[in-house]
């Protein structure tokens, strides 16, 4: 399984176009129990390349 140090892994997209991306930790502006805020737009997140996370059992 690949390791992405310094990154937050996120599923982005919708049911038919979902992908997993690595958000750089430097882009995180706030982290709290209610959620995480990043300094990226939806378009910037959508432009990130897909990463292979490797789910158990696949």
Protein backbone atom coordinates (compact mmCIF):
# COMPACT_ATOMS: atom_id res chain seq x y z
CA UNK A 1 0.00 0.00 0.00
CA UNK A 2 1.43 3.42 -0.93
CA UNK A 3 2.17 5.90 1.86
CA UNK A 4 1.46 9.62 1.46
CA UNK A 5 3.39 11.42 4.23
CA UNK A 6 2.33 14.99 4.75
CA UNK A 7 -1.04 14.47 3.07
CA UNK A 8 -4.69 14.15 4.03
CA UNK A 9 -6.42 11.47 1.94
CA UNK A 10 -9.88 12.41 0.70
CA UNK A 11 -12.59 10.88 -1.49
CA UNK A 12 -13.65 13.54 -3.97
CA UNK A 13 -16.48 13.56 -6.48
CA UNK A 14 -19.85 11.88 -6.77
CA UNK A 15 -21.11 8.32 -7.06
CA UNK A 16 -20.18 7.91 -10.74
CA UNK A 17 -16.99 9.97 -10.76
CA UNK A 18 -15.41 9.41 -7.37
CA UNK A 19 -11.65 9.46 -6.89
CA UNK A 20 -9.26 9.58 -3.97
CA UNK A 21 -6.81 12.48 -3.74
CA UNK A 22 -3.97 13.50 -1.42
CA UNK A 23 -4.46 17.00 0.03
CA UNK A 24 -1.11 18.50 1.14
CA UNK A 25 -1.03 19.12 4.90
CA UNK A 26 0.26 22.63 4.15
CA UNK A 27 -3.18 23.35 2.62
CA UNK A 28 -5.01 22.63 5.91
CA UNK A 29 -5.98 25.94 7.49
CA UNK A 30 -8.08 24.63 10.39
CA UNK A 31 -8.75 21.29 12.05
CA UNK A 32 -11.45 20.79 14.68
CA UNK A 33 -13.83 18.09 15.89
CA UNK A 34 -16.47 19.47 13.50
CA UNK A 35 -14.24 19.07 10.44
CA UNK A 36 -11.23 20.26 8.50
CA UNK A 37 -10.90 23.44 6.44
CA UNK A 38 -8.44 23.61 3.55
CA UNK A 39 -7.16 26.55 1.53
CA UNK A 40 -8.17 24.98 -1.79
CA UNK A 41 -11.19 25.58 -3.99
CA UNK A 42 -13.43 22.75 -5.19
CA UNK A 43 -11.89 23.19 -8.61
CA UNK A 44 -8.36 22.87 -7.24
CA UNK A 45 -9.32 19.70 -5.36
CA UNK A 46 -10.99 18.35 -8.50
CA UNK A 47 -7.79 19.01 -10.47
CA UNK A 48 -5.64 16.96 -8.06
CA UNK A 49 -4.50 13.64 -9.50
CA UNK A 50 -6.10 10.45 -8.24
CA UNK A 51 -3.99 8.38 -5.84
CA UNK A 52 -4.06 4.66 -5.13
CA UNK A 53 -4.91 4.12 -1.48
CA UNK A 54 -5.30 0.35 -1.53
CA UNK A 55 -8.37 -0.75 0.38
CA UNK A 56 -8.27 -3.93 2.44
CA UNK A 57 -9.62 -6.91 0.57
CA UNK A 58 -9.00 -5.47 -2.91
